[in-house]
Amino acid sequence: MKMILVRRFRVLILVVFLLACALHIAVDLLPKLDRRSVRSSGEPGCSCAQPAAEAAGPGWAQARSRPGESAGGDAGWPNKHTLRILQDFSSDPASNLTSHSLEKLPLAAEPVDHTPRGQEPGSPLPRDPAHRPLLRDPGPRPRVPPPGPSGDGSLLAKLFEHPLYQGAVPPLTEDDVLFNVNSDIRFNPKAAAENSDWPHEGAEGAEFLPTGEAAVDLYPNWLKFHIGINRYELYSRHNPAIDALLQDLGSQKITSVAMKSGGTQLKLIMTFQNYGQALFKPMKQTREQETPPDFFYFSDYERHNAEIAAFHLDRILDFRRVPPVAGRMINMTKEIRDVTRDKKLWRTFFVSPANNICFYGECSYYCSTEHALCGRPDQIEGSLAAFLPDLSLAKRKTWRNPWRRSYHKRKKAEWEVDPDYCEEVKQTPPYDSGHRILDIMDMTVFDFLMGNMDRHHYETFEKFGNETFIIHLDNGRGFGKYSHDELSILAPLHQCCRIRRSTYLKLQLLAKEEHKLSLLMAESLQRDKVAPVLYQLHLEALDRRLRIVLQAIRDCVEKDGLSSVVEDDLATKHRASTER
């Protein structure tokens, strides 16, 4: 009798296990079956022109079929190995390691079709693309007007005409540019886009060089941005591709969406029709909301409008170290749910009690039904930051910020308790030579103006070694409080008492009434598609914080003398230019 009971119990366990497996398989196949039923019945997917409740009714689980799916086959969810190698702005802590060891990439790259651009797949190749001569530089471009609205009333135009904004970088050699279009075999349109069906404006009547390759002027704007990166700047002051790229970020058709791995909050990687990519941060707070006073800096929200404003502030300060960022209204149904290949993201979509489309994705913080991102009814605002070149083309090195905070509720970092901390830093490479310590001061001023306490690491391009600029990435935790100035952000400036002369003069210029920083920011931000980007009190806080920075520099000058505090980089640049 006892043996019979044991056998029955084992059979029961086996039946339960089989039922669980069957249920798991059914749930996994449900999206595919629903998609087939959509195609066979001809019913349309969710339309954003309809009310959300109507759009998300019986067919909510039926995702729209992808372009190119045949009637007789099910494309279903693509294999995860087909995702393109993607850039990653990982915030994972590490110290002085190459970006290869820090960045989290998808498992494999998408196979590359070697059909030349502008030619139908499957048609005969005119010649082996590997043996084509490389591109020739189209030569110097004519100088274009500086960014900003035209007309005599433009404060931005007047600012960029000031002599301080006219200085040129030293003449560039092959070692000073990230990509040499003439000789770098790694950098060609096929490798950069990782797909040979690269559409571009005017493809039908495109002009080609005698070599058979497209001229640089016919490249998409994201690629022109990549080509323009050099040892001294991410982009030049008057590069027309930057404003064009901002327009692309706000208007290009989105062809695929995936969640970004790593990080604490939800970010999406969006790929456009021209194969450019951008990092999407959705709106989580209204313009006038401040960071709650009980929030620690490491648990603060990442604000989409802070990313947008940081790009414009960086350009006004003439640093040009933030990749282009633009705001955009996204249709959550057509531009995220219907084009995503990420099943984990797709499954988090739902309809709220208010009949709005919502999703929450997967991340460390704020990715749950209680913190879902909801549209009105399916429109959501966000920022799109252009990607830097892929790591396979341009490796980056990640450095631990010497003035990194403890990221602990009770512990303090060493710089918070040691007033002579800077002396120790200045004896440590790469801060013991070159201009890296001055780059840290620039970054300190930039972060203080925004109120950003979350600068734990920074990156540089490996090709340029230590003699290059710091890339100002990940600025989403800026502009959180307009009523509070976090003076601890200025600790590097107070402790080191060093600043570039060019930075000091520009800060003094932006404090004048005719070049008031808040008015310049307001004018620059007006051009964004989600304007007004900043609440008025945030703009006023910029002027107040600028005065605090200038006072801190004056205190240093009184203590140590002008020559010890202010580094005359303008004379150094002039001397380097004449030597070359």
Protein backbone atom coordinates (compact mmCIF):
# COMPACT_ATOMS: atom_id res chain seq x y z
CA MET A 1 0.00 0.00 0.00
CA LYS A 2 2.81 2.37 0.89
CA MET A 3 4.58 1.66 -2.41
CA ILE A 4 1.38 2.38 -4.35
CA LEU A 5 1.02 5.77 -2.67
CA VAL A 6 4.65 6.61 -3.45
CA ARG A 7 4.14 5.70 -7.11
CA ARG A 8 0.96 7.75 -7.33
CA PHE A 9 2.77 10.72 -5.79
CA ARG A 10 5.58 10.42 -8.33
CA VAL A 11 3.07 10.25 -11.18
CA LEU A 12 1.31 13.34 -9.82
CA ILE A 13 4.60 15.24 -9.67
CA LEU A 14 5.38 14.22 -13.25
CA VAL A 15 1.95 15.34 -14.48
CA VAL A 16 2.31 18.72 -12.77
CA PHE A 17 5.76 19.16 -14.32
CA LEU A 18 4.46 18.32 -17.80
CA LEU A 19 1.54 20.75 -17.39
CA ALA A 20 3.92 23.51 -16.32
CA CYS A 21 6.12 22.86 -19.36
CA ALA A 22 3.11 22.90 -21.68
CA LEU A 23 1.85 26.16 -20.16
CA HIS A 24 5.29 27.74 -20.51
CA ILE A 25 5.49 26.73 -24.19
CA ALA A 26 1.97 28.04 -24.84
CA VAL A 27 2.76 31.41 -23.28
CA ASP A 28 5.97 31.64 -25.26
CA LEU A 29 4.21 30.88 -28.57
CA LEU A 30 1.19 33.09 -27.91
CA PRO A 31 2.62 36.24 -29.55
CA LYS A 32 3.52 34.27 -32.69
CA LEU A 33 0.10 32.66 -32.92
CA ASP A 34 -1.59 36.02 -32.41
CA ARG A 35 0.56 37.57 -35.13
CA ARG A 36 -0.42 34.79 -37.54
CA SER A 37 -4.08 35.33 -36.75
CA VAL A 38 -3.65 39.03 -37.49
CA ARG A 39 -2.21 38.25 -40.92
CA SER A 40 -4.82 35.63 -41.78
CA SER A 41 -7.77 37.71 -40.66
CA GLY A 42 -6.47 40.95 -42.14
CA GLU A 43 -7.32 42.88 -38.98
CA PRO A 44 -5.12 45.92 -38.44
CA GLY A 45 -2.98 46.33 -35.33
CA CYS A 46 -3.28 49.11 -32.83
CA SER A 47 -3.74 52.44 -34.58
CA CYS A 48 -2.60 55.53 -32.77
CA ALA A 49 -5.24 57.61 -34.45
CA GLN A 50 -7.85 55.62 -32.51
CA PRO A 51 -8.51 56.02 -28.80
CA ALA A 52 -6.27 53.84 -26.73
CA ALA A 53 -9.11 51.71 -25.39
CA GLU A 54 -10.33 51.01 -28.92
CA ALA A 55 -6.81 50.37 -30.16
CA ALA A 56 -5.93 48.09 -27.31
CA GLY A 57 -9.16 46.15 -27.09
CA PRO A 58 -9.42 42.59 -28.40
CA GLY A 59 -6.37 42.93 -30.59
CA TRP A 60 -3.97 44.29 -27.95
CA ALA A 61 -2.03 41.04 -27.87
CA GLN A 62 -1.85 41.01 -31.67
CA ALA A 63 1.31 42.79 -32.70
CA ARG A 64 1.44 44.24 -36.19
CA SER A 65 3.28 42.02 -38.69
CA ARG A 66 6.70 43.24 -39.73
CA PRO A 67 7.41 44.45 -43.23
CA GLY A 68 8.82 41.68 -45.36
CA GLU A 69 7.04 38.80 -43.60
CA SER A 70 5.69 36.35 -46.13
CA ALA A 71 2.15 35.03 -46.04
CA GLY A 72 3.32 31.46 -45.88
CA GLY A 73 5.93 31.84 -43.17
CA ASP A 74 6.17 33.30 -39.71
CA ALA A 75 9.07 35.64 -39.10
CA GLY A 76 8.05 35.68 -35.45
CA TRP A 77 10.49 37.08 -32.96
CA PRO A 78 13.97 37.30 -34.49
CA ASN A 79 16.85 35.39 -33.07
CA LYS A 80 18.66 37.44 -30.45
CA HIS A 81 21.92 36.76 -32.31
CA THR A 82 20.75 38.85 -35.26
CA LEU A 83 20.83 42.13 -33.35
CA ARG A 84 23.47 44.57 -34.53
CA ILE A 85 26.48 45.28 -32.32
CA LEU A 86 25.37 48.29 -30.33
CA GLN A 87 27.05 51.08 -28.49
CA ASP A 88 26.62 51.16 -24.71
CA PHE A 89 26.89 54.10 -22.37
CA SER A 90 27.29 51.79 -19.40
CA SER A 91 27.47 53.32 -15.94
CA ASP A 92 28.87 50.18 -14.38
CA PRO A 93 31.73 51.13 -12.03
CA ALA A 94 35.25 50.28 -13.08
CA SER A 95 38.63 51.95 -13.04
CA ASN A 96 41.00 52.77 -15.88
CA LEU A 97 39.94 49.88 -18.11
CA THR A 98 39.31 49.84 -21.80
CA SER A 99 35.74 50.35 -22.89
CA HIS A 100 35.75 46.83 -24.35
CA SER A 101 35.84 45.43 -20.83
CA LEU A 102 33.07 47.68 -19.56
CA GLU A 103 30.52 47.83 -22.33
CA LYS A 104 27.87 45.16 -22.55
CA LEU A 105 27.21 44.19 -26.13
CA PRO A 106 24.65 41.85 -27.68
CA LEU A 107 26.01 38.41 -28.34
CA ALA A 108 26.72 38.71 -32.03
CA ALA A 109 26.59 41.04 -34.96
CA GLU A 110 24.07 40.91 -37.74
CA PRO A 111 25.43 39.23 -40.88
CA VAL A 112 26.55 41.77 -43.40
CA ASP A 113 25.13 41.72 -46.90
CA HIS A 114 27.93 42.61 -49.29
CA THR A 115 25.67 43.98 -52.00
CA PRO A 116 26.87 47.51 -52.89
CA ARG A 117 24.66 50.38 -51.79
CA GLY A 118 22.16 51.50 -54.31
CA GLN A 119 22.07 48.01 -55.94
CA GLU A 120 19.31 45.45 -55.55
CA PRO A 121 20.26 42.42 -53.45
CA GLY A 122 21.04 39.43 -55.60
CA SER A 123 22.14 41.42 -58.66
CA PRO A 124 25.64 40.77 -60.05
CA LEU A 125 28.49 42.69 -58.47
CA PRO A 126 30.41 45.04 -60.73
CA ARG A 127 33.65 44.26 -58.90
CA ASP A 128 34.91 43.04 -55.58
CA PRO A 129 34.14 45.81 -53.03
CA ALA A 130 37.21 44.87 -51.02
CA HIS A 131 39.43 46.04 -53.89
CA ARG A 132 37.79 49.44 -54.37
CA PRO A 133 40.02 52.46 -53.83
CA LEU A 134 39.27 54.40 -50.68
CA LEU A 135 37.37 57.65 -50.53
CA ARG A 136 38.98 60.93 -51.33
CA ASP A 137 38.49 63.98 -49.18
CA PRO A 138 36.12 66.34 -51.01
CA GLY A 139 38.23 69.26 -49.84
CA PRO A 140 37.54 72.18 -47.50
CA ARG A 141 33.91 73.18 -47.10
CA PRO A 142 32.76 76.78 -47.17
CA ARG A 143 32.24 78.38 -43.79
CA VAL A 144 28.61 78.34 -42.72
CA PRO A 145 26.82 80.67 -40.31
CA PRO A 146 26.99 79.63 -36.65
CA PRO A 147 24.07 77.72 -35.16
CA GLY A 148 21.13 79.66 -33.89
CA PRO A 149 18.26 81.63 -35.37
CA SER A 150 19.30 84.11 -37.98
CA GLY A 151 18.78 87.80 -37.72
CA ASP A 152 20.25 90.72 -35.85
CA GLY A 153 18.17 89.91 -32.76
CA SER A 154 19.76 86.52 -32.18
CA LEU A 155 21.81 86.44 -28.98
CA LEU A 156 23.36 83.14 -30.05
CA ALA A 157 24.55 84.56 -33.36
CA LYS A 158 26.16 87.50 -31.54
CA LEU A 159 27.81 85.16 -29.02
CA PHE A 160 29.33 82.92 -31.70
CA GLU A 161 30.67 86.00 -33.51
CA HIS A 162 32.64 87.01 -30.41
CA PRO A 163 36.45 86.64 -30.77
CA LEU A 164 36.52 84.07 -27.95
CA TYR A 165 34.40 81.79 -30.15
CA GLN A 166 36.53 82.24 -33.25
CA GLY A 167 39.70 80.46 -32.19
CA ALA A 168 40.58 77.48 -34.38
CA VAL A 169 41.99 74.14 -33.31
CA PRO A 170 45.58 73.40 -34.40
CA PRO A 171 46.02 71.92 -37.88
CA LEU A 172 44.98 68.27 -37.83
CA THR A 173 47.32 65.43 -38.74
CA GLU A 174 46.35 61.79 -39.33
CA ASP A 175 46.97 61.11 -35.64
CA ASP A 176 44.57 63.90 -34.64
CA VAL A 177 41.44 62.62 -36.41
CA LEU A 178 39.42 59.66 -35.19
CA PHE A 179 38.87 58.40 -38.75
CA ASN A 180 40.99 59.09 -41.79
CA VAL A 181 38.54 58.82 -44.67
CA ASN A 182 41.34 58.53 -47.22
CA SER A 183 43.37 55.71 -45.73
CA ASP A 184 41.54 53.99 -42.87
CA ILE A 185 40.32 50.70 -44.34
CA ARG A 186 38.15 50.04 -41.28
CA PHE A 187 36.14 53.17 -41.86
CA ASN A 188 33.92 52.85 -44.90
CA PRO A 189 30.17 53.13 -45.36
CA LYS A 190 29.59 49.38 -45.30
CA ALA A 191 31.54 48.85 -42.09
CA ALA A 192 30.05 51.91 -40.39
CA ALA A 193 26.44 51.03 -41.16
CA GLU A 194 27.05 47.28 -40.94
CA ASN A 195 24.51 46.79 -43.70
CA SER A 196 24.88 47.19 -47.43
CA ASP A 197 21.30 48.33 -48.10
CA TRP A 198 22.15 51.76 -46.78
CA PRO A 199 19.50 54.27 -47.92
CA HIS A 200 20.45 57.92 -48.03
CA GLU A 201 18.95 61.12 -49.26
CA GLY A 202 19.00 61.38 -53.02
CA ALA A 203 19.98 57.73 -53.49
CA GLU A 204 18.44 57.46 -56.94
CA GLY A 205 20.40 60.35 -58.40
CA ALA A 206 23.41 60.07 -56.13
CA GLU A 207 26.75 61.32 -57.33
CA PHE A 208 29.69 58.96 -57.07
CA LEU A 209 33.42 59.49 -57.21
CA PRO A 210 35.42 57.82 -60.03
CA THR A 211 36.23 55.05 -57.56
CA GLY A 212 32.57 54.07 -57.46
CA GLU A 213 32.04 55.08 -53.83
CA ALA A 214 29.62 57.76 -52.66
CA ALA A 215 31.04 61.20 -51.89
CA VAL A 216 31.33 62.15 -48.22
CA ASP A 217 28.66 64.83 -48.67
CA LEU A 218 26.16 62.05 -49.43
CA TYR A 219 26.77 60.28 -46.14
CA PRO A 220 23.96 60.39 -43.56
CA ASN A 221 24.41 63.07 -40.94
CA TRP A 222 25.25 60.62 -38.15
CA LEU A 223 28.22 59.40 -40.16
CA LYS A 224 29.34 62.95 -40.94
CA PHE A 225 29.29 63.58 -37.18
CA HIS A 226 31.52 60.54 -36.61
CA ILE A 227 33.96 61.61 -39.33
CA GLY A 228 34.31 65.06 -37.74
CA ILE A 229 35.53 63.81 -34.36
CA ASN A 230 39.14 64.75 -33.64
CA ARG A 231 41.60 65.04 -30.77
CA TYR A 232 40.24 68.44 -29.67
CA GLU A 233 36.46 68.27 -30.10
CA LEU A 234 33.49 66.03 -30.82
CA TYR A 235 32.37 68.45 -33.54
CA SER A 236 33.51 71.78 -34.90
CA ARG A 237 31.70 75.02 -34.09
CA HIS A 238 30.24 75.48 -37.55
CA ASN A 239 29.69 71.88 -38.65
CA PRO A 240 26.37 71.93 -40.57
CA ALA A 241 25.92 68.19 -40.00
CA ILE A 242 25.22 68.75 -36.30
CA ASP A 243 22.06 70.81 -36.77
CA ALA A 244 21.01 68.41 -39.54
CA LEU A 245 21.61 65.48 -37.19
CA LEU A 246 19.42 67.12 -34.55
CA GLN A 247 16.66 67.29 -37.16
CA ASP A 248 17.20 63.62 -38.02
CA LEU A 249 16.92 62.60 -34.38
CA GLY A 250 13.52 64.26 -34.23
CA SER A 251 12.14 63.00 -37.52
CA GLN A 252 13.89 59.88 -38.89
CA LYS A 253 11.72 56.78 -39.14
CA ILE A 254 12.41 54.32 -36.31
CA THR A 255 12.93 50.79 -37.64
CA SER A 256 13.84 48.84 -34.49
CA VAL A 257 13.94 49.26 -30.71
CA ALA A 258 15.76 47.31 -28.00
CA MET A 259 16.32 47.79 -24.29
CA LYS A 260 19.82 48.93 -23.33
CA SER A 261 21.59 46.48 -21.06
CA GLY A 262 23.10 47.76 -17.85
CA GLY A 263 22.24 51.00 -16.10
CA THR A 264 19.75 51.58 -13.33
CA GLN A 265 16.80 52.99 -15.28
CA LEU A 266 15.05 52.11 -18.52
CA LYS A 267 16.71 53.31 -21.72
CA LEU A 268 15.96 52.19 -25.25
CA ILE A 269 18.29 51.84 -28.21
CA MET A 270 16.53 53.09 -31.34
CA THR A 271 17.72 52.42 -34.88
CA PHE A 272 16.64 54.69 -37.73
CA GLN A 273 15.93 54.09 -41.39
CA ASN A 274 19.35 55.50 -42.34
CA TYR A 275 21.00 53.07 -39.87
CA GLY A 276 21.86 55.76 -37.36
CA GLN A 277 21.24 54.92 -33.71
CA ALA A 278 20.29 56.89 -30.64
CA LEU A 279 19.70 56.32 -26.93
CA PHE A 280 16.11 57.12 -25.91
CA LYS A 281 15.31 58.33 -22.40
CA PRO A 282 11.58 58.71 -21.72
CA MET A 283 9.95 61.55 -19.82
CA LYS A 284 9.49 60.72 -16.12
CA GLN A 285 8.91 64.13 -14.53
CA THR A 286 7.14 67.29 -15.58
CA ARG A 287 9.23 70.41 -16.19
CA GLU A 288 8.41 72.08 -12.89
CA GLN A 289 8.93 69.02 -10.67
CA GLU A 290 12.05 69.02 -8.50
CA THR A 291 13.92 66.01 -7.15
CA PRO A 292 12.27 65.04 -3.85
CA PRO A 293 14.41 66.26 -0.93
CA ASP A 294 14.64 62.75 0.56
CA PHE A 295 16.10 61.22 -2.60
CA PHE A 296 19.77 60.30 -2.67
CA TYR A 297 21.65 61.45 -5.77
CA PHE A 298 22.15 57.83 -6.88
CA SER A 299 18.42 57.07 -6.81
CA ASP A 300 17.28 60.25 -8.53
CA TYR A 301 15.29 60.07 -11.77
CA GLU A 302 17.09 60.42 -15.06
CA ARG A 303 15.42 63.32 -16.86
CA HIS A 304 15.10 63.43 -20.63
CA ASN A 305 15.03 67.23 -20.70
CA ALA A 306 18.30 67.34 -18.74
CA GLU A 307 19.99 65.41 -21.56
CA ILE A 308 18.68 67.90 -24.12
CA ALA A 309 19.62 70.96 -22.06
CA ALA A 310 23.09 69.53 -21.32
CA PHE A 311 23.92 69.39 -25.03
CA HIS A 312 22.89 73.01 -25.55
CA LEU A 313 24.72 74.20 -22.43
CA ASP A 314 27.87 72.36 -23.49
CA ARG A 315 27.75 74.04 -26.90
CA ILE A 316 27.19 77.51 -25.42
CA LEU A 317 30.17 76.98 -23.09
CA ASP A 318 32.12 76.06 -26.24
CA PHE A 319 33.24 72.70 -24.84
CA ARG A 320 31.53 70.64 -27.59
CA ARG A 321 31.99 67.39 -25.65
CA VAL A 322 28.37 66.20 -25.47
CA PRO A 323 27.00 64.12 -28.39
CA PRO A 324 23.99 65.75 -30.11
CA VAL A 325 20.69 65.26 -28.27
CA ALA A 326 17.18 66.20 -29.43
CA GLY A 327 13.70 65.86 -28.00
CA ARG A 328 10.94 63.95 -29.73
CA MET A 329 7.36 62.79 -29.28
CA ILE A 330 7.25 59.02 -29.75
CA ASN A 331 4.23 56.94 -30.71
CA MET A 332 4.56 54.07 -28.22
CA THR A 333 2.49 51.73 -30.37
CA LYS A 334 3.87 52.29 -33.86
CA GLU A 335 7.42 53.37 -32.97
CA ILE A 336 8.18 51.09 -30.03
CA ARG A 337 5.82 48.15 -29.59
CA ASP A 338 5.27 47.35 -33.26
CA VAL A 339 8.97 47.53 -34.22
CA THR A 340 10.69 46.04 -31.19
CA ARG A 341 12.43 42.69 -31.43
CA ASP A 342 12.83 42.48 -27.69
CA LYS A 343 10.27 40.05 -26.25
CA LYS A 344 10.97 41.17 -22.70
CA LEU A 345 10.13 44.76 -23.62
CA TRP A 346 7.09 43.76 -25.71
CA ARG A 347 5.53 41.78 -22.86
CA THR A 348 5.54 44.78 -20.49
CA PHE A 349 3.03 46.78 -22.56
CA PHE A 350 -0.44 47.14 -21.11
CA VAL A 351 -3.46 49.46 -21.05
CA SER A 352 -3.93 51.54 -17.91
CA PRO A 353 -7.29 52.11 -16.19
CA ALA A 354 -7.25 55.55 -17.84
CA ASN A 355 -7.08 53.84 -21.28
CA ASN A 356 -3.50 54.96 -21.89
CA ILE A 357 -0.84 52.72 -23.41
CA CYS A 358 1.91 51.94 -20.87
CA PHE A 359 5.08 49.87 -20.58
CA TYR A 360 7.88 49.52 -18.05
CA GLY A 361 10.62 47.28 -19.48
CA GLU A 362 13.39 45.83 -17.30
CA CYS A 363 16.00 47.70 -15.22
CA SER A 364 17.30 48.07 -11.66
CA TYR A 365 15.08 50.99 -10.57
CA TYR A 366 11.60 52.17 -11.52
CA CYS A 367 10.77 49.30 -13.92
CA SER A 368 7.49 47.99 -12.58
CA THR A 369 3.76 48.45 -13.07
CA GLU A 370 3.80 51.09 -10.34
CA HIS A 371 6.46 53.09 -12.22
CA ALA A 372 5.19 52.41 -15.73
CA LEU A 373 5.69 54.93 -18.53
CA CYS A 374 2.29 55.88 -19.89
CA GLY A 375 1.37 57.83 -23.01
CA ARG A 376 -1.51 60.18 -23.77
CA PRO A 377 -3.00 57.94 -25.00
CA ASP A 378 0.04 56.47 -26.77
CA GLN A 379 2.30 59.53 -27.25
CA ILE A 380 5.31 59.85 -24.97
CA GLU A 381 8.01 62.51 -24.86
CA GLY A 382 11.69 61.68 -24.61
CA SER A 383 15.25 62.54 -25.59
CA LEU A 384 17.34 60.91 -28.30
CA ALA A 385 21.13 61.08 -27.94
CA ALA A 386 23.18 60.25 -31.03
CA PHE A 387 25.51 57.29 -30.62
CA LEU A 388 29.25 57.66 -30.77
CA PRO A 389 31.14 55.41 -33.23
CA ASP A 390 30.93 51.70 -32.53
CA LEU A 391 33.64 50.33 -30.26
CA SER A 392 34.85 48.04 -33.03
CA LEU A 393 35.82 51.19 -34.96
CA ALA A 394 36.86 53.55 -32.16
CA LYS A 395 37.63 52.15 -28.72
CA ARG A 396 37.05 54.33 -25.70
CA LYS A 397 38.74 54.22 -22.34
CA THR A 398 36.73 54.59 -19.15
CA TRP A 399 38.28 56.48 -16.23
CA ARG A 400 37.14 56.67 -12.64
CA ASN A 401 36.41 60.28 -11.71
CA PRO A 402 38.84 61.26 -8.89
CA TRP A 403 35.99 63.21 -7.28
CA ARG A 404 33.52 60.35 -7.55
CA ARG A 405 31.00 60.20 -4.73
CA SER A 406 30.74 57.22 -2.40
CA TYR A 407 27.30 56.11 -3.66
CA HIS A 408 26.54 55.07 -0.10
CA LYS A 409 23.92 56.34 2.34
CA ARG A 410 26.40 56.95 5.16
CA LYS A 411 29.99 56.75 3.89
CA LYS A 412 31.85 59.73 2.50
CA ALA A 413 34.39 59.76 -0.30
CA GLU A 414 38.03 60.63 0.46
CA TRP A 415 37.80 64.07 -1.18
CA GLU A 416 34.95 64.99 1.17
CA VAL A 417 37.14 64.60 4.27
CA ASP A 418 40.61 65.51 2.97
CA PRO A 419 41.02 69.21 2.02
CA ASP A 420 44.42 68.45 0.43
CA TYR A 421 43.04 65.68 -1.74
CA CYS A 422 43.91 67.52 -4.99
CA GLU A 423 47.64 67.36 -4.23
CA GLU A 424 47.41 63.59 -4.21
CA VAL A 425 45.46 63.59 -7.46
CA LYS A 426 48.00 65.82 -9.21
CA GLN A 427 50.73 63.27 -8.46
CA THR A 428 48.76 60.45 -10.10
CA PRO A 429 48.76 59.76 -13.88
CA PRO A 430 47.22 61.09 -16.07
CA TYR A 431 46.69 64.16 -13.85
CA ASP A 432 50.41 64.69 -13.23
CA SER A 433 51.00 65.98 -16.77
CA GLY A 434 49.13 67.39 -19.72
CA HIS A 435 45.79 69.14 -19.42
CA ARG A 436 43.59 66.40 -17.94
CA ILE A 437 43.24 68.21 -14.61
CA LEU A 438 41.99 71.27 -16.53
CA ASP A 439 39.48 69.06 -18.33
CA ILE A 440 38.22 67.95 -14.91
CA MET A 441 37.76 71.61 -13.95
CA ASP A 442 35.74 72.23 -17.14
CA MET A 443 33.59 69.21 -16.32
CA THR A 444 33.17 70.47 -12.75
CA VAL A 445 31.86 73.84 -13.94
CA PHE A 446 29.56 72.10 -16.42
CA ASP A 447 28.13 69.76 -13.75
CA PHE A 448 27.68 72.52 -11.17
CA LEU A 449 25.70 74.68 -13.58
CA MET A 450 23.36 71.71 -14.16
CA GLY A 451 23.35 70.48 -10.56
CA ASN A 452 24.59 67.05 -11.69
CA MET A 453 26.05 65.00 -8.79
CA ASP A 454 26.26 61.74 -10.76
CA ARG A 455 29.64 62.03 -12.51
CA HIS A 456 31.23 58.78 -11.35
CA HIS A 457 33.20 57.96 -14.53
CA TYR A 458 34.18 59.64 -17.77
CA GLU A 459 35.48 58.43 -21.12
CA THR A 460 38.10 59.35 -23.72
CA PHE A 461 38.98 57.96 -27.14
CA GLU A 462 41.83 55.48 -26.86
CA LYS A 463 43.42 56.56 -30.14
CA PHE A 464 44.31 59.99 -28.75
CA GLY A 465 45.90 58.74 -25.53
CA ASN A 466 45.85 61.18 -22.61
CA GLU A 467 46.17 64.31 -24.76
CA THR A 468 42.50 64.67 -25.62
CA PHE A 469 39.20 65.90 -24.21
CA ILE A 470 36.78 64.25 -21.79
CA ILE A 471 33.48 63.12 -23.29
CA HIS A 472 30.56 64.46 -21.24
CA LEU A 473 28.19 61.48 -21.37
CA ASP A 474 25.11 60.64 -19.30
CA ASN A 475 23.76 63.96 -18.01
CA GLY A 476 20.25 62.81 -17.12
CA ARG A 477 20.53 63.62 -13.42
CA GLY A 478 21.16 67.29 -14.04
CA PHE A 479 18.56 70.05 -13.68
CA GLY A 480 16.83 68.28 -10.81
CA LYS A 481 16.63 71.21 -8.35
CA TYR A 482 16.33 74.86 -9.28
CA SER A 483 15.92 75.98 -5.65
CA HIS A 484 19.17 74.43 -4.40
CA ASP A 485 22.81 74.87 -5.45
CA GLU A 486 24.92 71.82 -4.58
CA LEU A 487 28.21 73.46 -3.63
CA SER A 488 29.99 70.14 -3.10
CA ILE A 489 30.09 69.70 -6.89
CA LEU A 490 32.63 72.55 -6.96
CA ALA A 491 35.04 70.68 -4.66
CA PRO A 492 37.59 70.03 -7.46
CA LEU A 493 37.73 73.74 -8.27
CA HIS A 494 38.01 74.77 -4.61
CA GLN A 495 40.71 72.19 -3.84
CA CYS A 496 42.83 72.53 -7.00
CA CYS A 497 42.26 76.22 -7.84
CA ARG A 498 43.00 75.69 -11.53
CA ILE A 499 41.04 76.82 -14.59
CA ARG A 500 41.69 77.40 -18.27
CA ARG A 501 41.95 81.04 -19.33
CA SER A 502 39.59 80.38 -22.24
CA THR A 503 37.00 78.88 -19.89
CA TYR A 504 37.38 81.73 -17.37
CA LEU A 505 36.95 84.41 -20.05
CA LYS A 506 33.88 82.71 -21.51
CA LEU A 507 32.28 82.39 -18.09
CA GLN A 508 32.87 86.09 -17.52
CA LEU A 509 31.36 86.82 -20.93
CA LEU A 510 28.24 84.74 -20.17
CA ALA A 511 27.74 86.65 -16.91
CA LYS A 512 27.31 89.93 -18.80
CA GLU A 513 23.83 91.24 -19.51
CA GLU A 514 24.32 91.27 -23.30
CA HIS A 515 25.35 87.60 -23.28
CA LYS A 516 23.29 86.36 -20.34
CA LEU A 517 23.53 82.59 -20.03
CA SER A 518 19.85 82.03 -19.22
CA LEU A 519 18.72 83.99 -22.29
CA LEU A 520 21.16 82.16 -24.54
CA MET A 521 19.94 78.81 -23.24
CA ALA A 522 16.30 79.81 -23.70
CA GLU A 523 16.97 80.82 -27.29
CA SER A 524 18.94 77.69 -28.09
CA LEU A 525 16.35 75.38 -26.53
CA GLN A 526 13.49 77.05 -28.42
CA ARG A 527 14.58 75.19 -31.54
CA ASP A 528 13.93 71.77 -30.01
CA LYS A 529 10.72 69.95 -30.91
CA VAL A 530 9.67 69.50 -27.27
CA ALA A 531 10.29 73.14 -26.29
CA PRO A 532 10.08 74.59 -23.70
CA VAL A 533 12.75 72.16 -22.51
CA LEU A 534 13.54 73.79 -19.15
CA TYR A 535 11.32 75.37 -16.54
CA GLN A 536 12.01 79.11 -16.22
CA LEU A 537 13.37 78.73 -12.68
CA HIS A 538 16.02 76.33 -13.96
CA LEU A 539 17.15 78.98 -16.45
CA GLU A 540 17.38 81.57 -13.69
CA ALA A 541 19.37 79.11 -11.56
CA LEU A 542 22.00 78.98 -14.33
CA ASP A 543 22.77 82.70 -13.89
CA ARG A 544 22.90 82.34 -10.11
CA ARG A 545 25.29 79.35 -10.28
CA LEU A 546 27.48 81.09 -12.83
CA ARG A 547 28.06 83.91 -10.34
CA ILE A 548 29.01 81.32 -7.69
CA VAL A 549 31.58 79.75 -10.03
CA LEU A 550 33.13 83.13 -10.85
CA GLN A 551 33.33 83.98 -7.15
CA ALA A 552 35.07 80.66 -6.44
CA ILE A 553 37.68 81.48 -9.12
CA ARG A 554 38.19 84.98 -7.69
CA ASP A 555 38.73 83.45 -4.24
CA CYS A 556 41.40 81.18 -5.68
CA VAL A 557 43.10 84.09 -7.45
CA GLU A 558 43.19 86.09 -4.22
CA LYS A 559 44.71 83.12 -2.40
CA ASP A 560 47.23 81.80 -4.96
CA GLY A 561 47.63 84.53 -7.57
CA LEU A 562 46.33 84.81 -11.13
CA SER A 563 49.27 83.03 -12.81
CA SER A 564 48.96 80.01 -10.51
CA VAL A 565 45.22 79.65 -10.98
CA VAL A 566 44.56 80.57 -14.61
CA GLU A 567 46.30 78.43 -17.24
CA ASP A 568 46.89 80.47 -20.41
CA ASP A 569 45.73 77.86 -22.92
CA LEU A 570 45.02 80.53 -25.55
CA ALA A 571 48.74 81.27 -25.89
CA THR A 572 49.49 77.55 -25.92
CA LYS A 573 47.02 76.95 -28.74
CA HIS A 574 48.47 79.83 -30.75
CA ARG A 575 52.00 78.53 -30.24
CA ALA A 576 51.02 74.98 -31.27
CA SER A 577 49.25 76.30 -34.36
CA THR A 578 52.29 78.30 -35.52
CA GLU A 579 54.68 75.41 -34.86
CA ARG A 580 52.67 73.13 -37.06
